[in-house]
Amino acid sequence: MLPRPSHEAMVGPELHGVRGSDIRAELMAEAMRAYMQNPNYIKTVAPNVARRIREAVNTHPELRKIIVFN
């Protein structure tokens, strides 16, 4: 299992000026990027997020024509 970063090492969109409801969208965009770049990593460190991405993308009528997450 991969080590989790310490609280001090964690950064988020807030540190880059993202505010309000955009924070959640930015976090999801970053999770999807991580899934596409390294599926095993996201499945290991955030299995529930990986599952939700699969459910949302693989059942979407347009997105599932473009990309499929396993």
C-alpha atoms as a PDB file:
ATOM      1  CA  MET A   1       0.000   0.000   0.000  1.00  0.00           C
ATOM      2  CA  LEU A   2       1.226   3.470  -0.829  1.00  0.00           C
ATOM      3  CA  PRO A   3       2.014   5.813   2.072  1.00  0.00           C
ATOM      4  CA  ARG A   4      -0.356   8.694   2.635  1.00  0.00           C
ATOM      5  CA  PRO A   5       1.207  12.165   2.729  1.00  0.00           C
ATOM      6  CA  SER A   6       1.367  13.894   6.073  1.00  0.00           C
ATOM      7  CA  HIS A   7      -1.189  16.601   6.792  1.00  0.00           C
ATOM      8  CA  GLU A   8       1.517  19.255   6.345  1.00  0.00           C
ATOM      9  CA  ALA A   9       2.416  17.913   2.883  1.00  0.00           C
ATOM     10  CA  MET A  10      -1.161  17.964   1.600  1.00  0.00           C
ATOM     11  CA  VAL A  11      -2.233  20.814  -0.625  1.00  0.00           C
ATOM     12  CA  GLY A  12      -5.542  21.679  -2.154  1.00  0.00           C
ATOM     13  CA  PRO A  13      -7.146  23.968  -4.667  1.00  0.00           C
ATOM     14  CA  GLU A  14      -7.683  26.617  -1.983  1.00  0.00           C
ATOM     15  CA  LEU A  15      -3.930  27.246  -1.977  1.00  0.00           C
ATOM     16  CA  HIS A  16      -4.195  28.141  -5.664  1.00  0.00           C
ATOM     17  CA  GLY A  17      -7.012  30.650  -5.266  1.00  0.00           C
ATOM     18  CA  VAL A  18      -9.961  28.323  -5.965  1.00  0.00           C
ATOM     19  CA  ARG A  19     -12.978  29.297  -3.883  1.00  0.00           C
ATOM     20  CA  GLY A  20     -16.506  28.185  -3.066  1.00  0.00           C
ATOM     21  CA  SER A  21     -18.239  25.521  -5.118  1.00  0.00           C
ATOM     22  CA  ASP A  22     -15.316  25.456  -7.562  1.00  0.00           C
ATOM     23  CA  ILE A  23     -13.267  23.592  -4.944  1.00  0.00           C
ATOM     24  CA  ARG A  24     -15.334  20.414  -5.281  1.00  0.00           C
ATOM     25  CA  ALA A  25     -15.199  20.551  -9.091  1.00  0.00           C
ATOM     26  CA  GLU A  26     -11.429  21.049  -9.025  1.00  0.00           C
ATOM     27  CA  LEU A  27     -10.967  18.110  -6.652  1.00  0.00           C
ATOM     28  CA  MET A  28     -13.016  15.862  -8.945  1.00  0.00           C
ATOM     29  CA  ALA A  29     -11.083  17.032 -11.999  1.00  0.00           C
ATOM     30  CA  GLU A  30      -7.830  16.206 -10.213  1.00  0.00           C
ATOM     31  CA  ALA A  31      -9.152  12.779  -9.181  1.00  0.00           C
ATOM     32  CA  MET A  32     -10.119  12.016 -12.776  1.00  0.00           C
ATOM     33  CA  ARG A  33      -6.686  13.149 -13.970  1.00  0.00           C
ATOM     34  CA  ALA A  34      -5.046  10.873 -11.418  1.00  0.00           C
ATOM     35  CA  TYR A  35      -7.285   7.980 -12.490  1.00  0.00           C
ATOM     36  CA  MET A  36      -6.348   8.435 -16.157  1.00  0.00           C
ATOM     37  CA  GLN A  37      -2.641   8.800 -15.380  1.00  0.00           C
ATOM     38  CA  ASN A  38      -2.333   5.962 -12.866  1.00  0.00           C
ATOM     39  CA  PRO A  39      -5.517   3.940 -12.217  1.00  0.00           C
ATOM     40  CA  ASN A  40      -3.882   1.701  -9.605  1.00  0.00           C
ATOM     41  CA  TYR A  41      -2.820   4.708  -7.522  1.00  0.00           C
ATOM     42  CA  ILE A  42      -6.284   6.256  -7.280  1.00  0.00           C
ATOM     43  CA  LYS A  43      -7.862   2.846  -6.649  1.00  0.00           C
ATOM     44  CA  THR A  44      -5.405   2.334  -3.779  1.00  0.00           C
ATOM     45  CA  VAL A  45      -5.496   5.723  -2.065  1.00  0.00           C
ATOM     46  CA  ALA A  46      -9.138   6.603  -2.785  1.00  0.00           C
ATOM     47  CA  PRO A  47     -11.139   3.486  -3.689  1.00  0.00           C
ATOM     48  CA  ASN A  48     -14.510   5.123  -3.033  1.00  0.00           C
ATOM     49  CA  VAL A  49     -13.645   8.061  -5.288  1.00  0.00           C
ATOM     50  CA  ALA A  50     -12.466   5.662  -8.011  1.00  0.00           C
ATOM     51  CA  ARG A  51     -15.748   3.757  -7.724  1.00  0.00           C
ATOM     52  CA  ARG A  52     -17.811   6.946  -7.991  1.00  0.00           C
ATOM     53  CA  ILE A  53     -15.844   8.064 -11.050  1.00  0.00           C
ATOM     54  CA  ARG A  54     -16.459   4.697 -12.725  1.00  0.00           C
ATOM     55  CA  GLU A  55     -20.161   4.838 -11.920  1.00  0.00           C
ATOM     56  CA  ALA A  56     -20.565   8.404 -13.187  1.00  0.00           C
ATOM     57  CA  VAL A  57     -18.492   8.154 -16.358  1.00  0.00           C
ATOM     58  CA  ASN A  58     -19.276   4.604 -17.441  1.00  0.00           C
ATOM     59  CA  THR A  59     -23.039   5.183 -17.246  1.00  0.00           C
ATOM     60  CA  HIS A  60     -23.078   8.657 -18.827  1.00  0.00           C
ATOM     61  CA  PRO A  61     -24.596   8.399 -22.332  1.00  0.00           C
ATOM     62  CA  GLU A  62     -22.001  10.685 -23.959  1.00  0.00           C
ATOM     63  CA  LEU A  63     -18.895  10.203 -21.827  1.00  0.00           C
ATOM     64  CA  ARG A  64     -18.970   6.416 -22.073  1.00  0.00           C
ATOM     65  CA  LYS A  65     -18.497   6.779 -25.844  1.00  0.00           C
ATOM     66  CA  ILE A  66     -15.214   8.606 -25.219  1.00  0.00           C
ATOM     67  CA  ILE A  67     -13.677   6.985 -22.142  1.00  0.00           C
ATOM     68  CA  VAL A  68     -14.256   3.926 -19.962  1.00  0.00           C
ATOM     69  CA  PHE A  69     -12.793   3.555 -16.490  1.00  0.00           C
ATOM     70  CA  ASN A  70     -12.123  -0.024 -15.361  1.00  0.00           C
END
